[in-house]
């Protein structure tokens, strides 16, 4: 009984110490994705002069988001390689994708 209690207490302590680290990583991932996504959005704005920034929608590419969600990619990878995004400009009936490296440079831009 005591060993079960000790094990439960140890597991709770480990979980309590890991949870803030994971939350901190999630916040850093979100901030990095936002920063890199801004680069994609700015590139779209250049391609469509006169369109308001509010009319440009940029989201993390689904396959890329899945890699973040399932843990096969993390903050370290994001900071090393960058991210993939999809963009749309509904008023122009345009959409496409951006590849943004870790420094915020758009390395590939596709769109119609």
Protein backbone atom coordinates (compact mmCIF):
# COMPACT_ATOMS: atom_id res chain seq x y z
CA UNK A 1 0.00 0.00 0.00
CA UNK A 2 2.79 2.41 0.93
CA UNK A 3 4.72 1.61 -2.24
CA UNK A 4 1.61 2.31 -4.34
CA UNK A 5 1.14 5.62 -2.55
CA UNK A 6 4.81 6.50 -3.01
CA UNK A 7 4.64 5.56 -6.70
CA UNK A 8 1.47 7.62 -7.19
CA UNK A 9 3.06 10.58 -5.45
CA UNK A 10 6.22 10.28 -7.57
CA UNK A 11 4.15 10.03 -10.76
CA UNK A 12 2.16 13.12 -9.76
CA UNK A 13 5.35 15.07 -9.08
CA UNK A 14 6.83 14.09 -12.44
CA UNK A 15 3.60 14.99 -14.24
CA UNK A 16 3.44 18.33 -12.44
CA UNK A 17 7.00 19.15 -13.49
CA UNK A 18 6.46 18.09 -17.10
CA UNK A 19 3.14 19.90 -17.64
CA UNK A 20 4.59 23.43 -17.36
CA UNK A 21 7.45 22.50 -19.70
CA UNK A 22 4.99 21.19 -22.29
CA UNK A 23 2.79 24.26 -21.92
CA UNK A 24 5.87 26.46 -22.35
CA UNK A 25 6.87 24.55 -25.50
CA UNK A 26 3.32 24.89 -26.86
CA UNK A 27 3.43 28.65 -26.27
CA UNK A 28 6.80 28.86 -28.03
CA UNK A 29 5.53 26.76 -30.93
CA UNK A 30 2.49 29.01 -31.27
CA UNK A 31 4.65 32.16 -31.18
CA UNK A 32 7.06 30.75 -33.77
CA UNK A 33 4.21 29.68 -36.06
CA UNK A 34 2.68 33.16 -35.78
CA UNK A 35 5.98 34.84 -36.61
CA UNK A 36 6.66 32.61 -39.60
CA UNK A 37 3.05 32.86 -40.77
CA UNK A 38 3.40 36.65 -40.86
CA UNK A 39 6.15 36.25 -43.44
CA UNK A 40 3.81 34.24 -45.64
CA UNK A 41 1.03 36.79 -45.16
CA UNK A 42 3.35 39.67 -46.08
CA UNK A 43 4.39 37.87 -49.27
CA UNK A 44 0.74 37.37 -50.22
CA UNK A 45 0.12 41.08 -49.58
CA UNK A 46 2.89 41.97 -52.03
CA UNK A 47 1.37 39.70 -54.67
CA UNK A 48 -2.05 41.32 -54.22
CA UNK A 49 -1.49 45.06 -53.77
CA UNK A 50 -4.49 46.94 -52.46
CA UNK A 51 -5.90 43.93 -50.58
CA UNK A 52 -6.23 44.56 -46.86
CA UNK A 53 -4.28 42.36 -44.49
CA UNK A 54 -7.62 41.39 -42.92
CA UNK A 55 -8.64 39.81 -46.22
CA UNK A 56 -5.57 37.55 -46.31
CA UNK A 57 -5.99 34.31 -44.38
CA UNK A 58 -2.96 32.18 -43.52
CA UNK A 59 -3.16 28.82 -41.75
CA UNK A 60 -0.63 26.15 -40.91
CA UNK A 61 -0.73 23.44 -43.59
CA UNK A 62 -2.77 20.43 -42.43
CA UNK A 63 0.01 17.85 -42.83
CA UNK A 64 2.44 20.12 -41.01
CA UNK A 65 -0.07 20.70 -38.18
CA UNK A 66 -0.61 16.95 -37.93
CA UNK A 67 3.13 16.45 -37.45
CA UNK A 68 3.08 18.95 -34.60
CA UNK A 69 -0.01 17.37 -33.06
CA UNK A 70 1.27 13.80 -33.18
CA UNK A 71 4.68 14.79 -31.82
CA UNK A 72 6.71 13.75 -34.84
CA UNK A 73 7.78 17.39 -35.12
CA UNK A 74 8.44 19.75 -32.25
CA UNK A 75 9.84 23.13 -31.36
CA UNK A 76 13.41 22.12 -32.17
CA UNK A 77 12.42 21.07 -35.72
CA UNK A 78 10.32 24.17 -36.20
CA UNK A 79 13.22 26.40 -35.19
CA UNK A 80 15.57 24.50 -37.49
CA UNK A 81 13.46 24.03 -40.63
CA UNK A 82 10.54 26.48 -40.55
CA UNK A 83 6.93 25.73 -41.45
CA UNK A 84 4.39 25.23 -44.23
CA UNK A 85 1.29 27.38 -44.65
CA UNK A 86 -1.81 27.64 -46.82
CA UNK A 87 -3.18 31.05 -47.72
CA UNK A 88 -6.36 32.43 -49.24
CA UNK A 89 -7.54 35.80 -50.48
CA UNK A 90 -11.31 35.32 -50.80
CA UNK A 91 -11.95 38.68 -52.48
CA UNK A 92 -9.58 37.68 -55.30
CA UNK A 93 -10.65 34.01 -55.40
CA UNK A 94 -7.00 33.13 -54.87
CA UNK A 95 -5.26 30.55 -52.75
CA UNK A 96 -1.94 28.83 -52.45
CA UNK A 97 0.84 27.82 -50.11
CA UNK A 98 4.08 29.10 -48.64
CA UNK A 99 7.16 27.38 -47.30
CA UNK A 100 8.89 29.60 -44.74
CA UNK A 101 12.34 28.79 -43.38
CA UNK A 102 13.25 29.18 -39.71
CA UNK A 103 14.56 32.70 -40.30
CA UNK A 104 11.23 33.85 -41.69
CA UNK A 105 12.17 33.89 -45.37
CA UNK A 106 9.60 32.54 -47.81
CA UNK A 107 11.48 29.89 -49.76
CA UNK A 108 8.60 28.64 -51.90
CA UNK A 109 5.41 30.43 -52.88
CA UNK A 110 2.62 28.85 -54.87
CA UNK A 111 -0.67 30.39 -55.77
CA UNK A 112 -3.37 31.07 -58.26
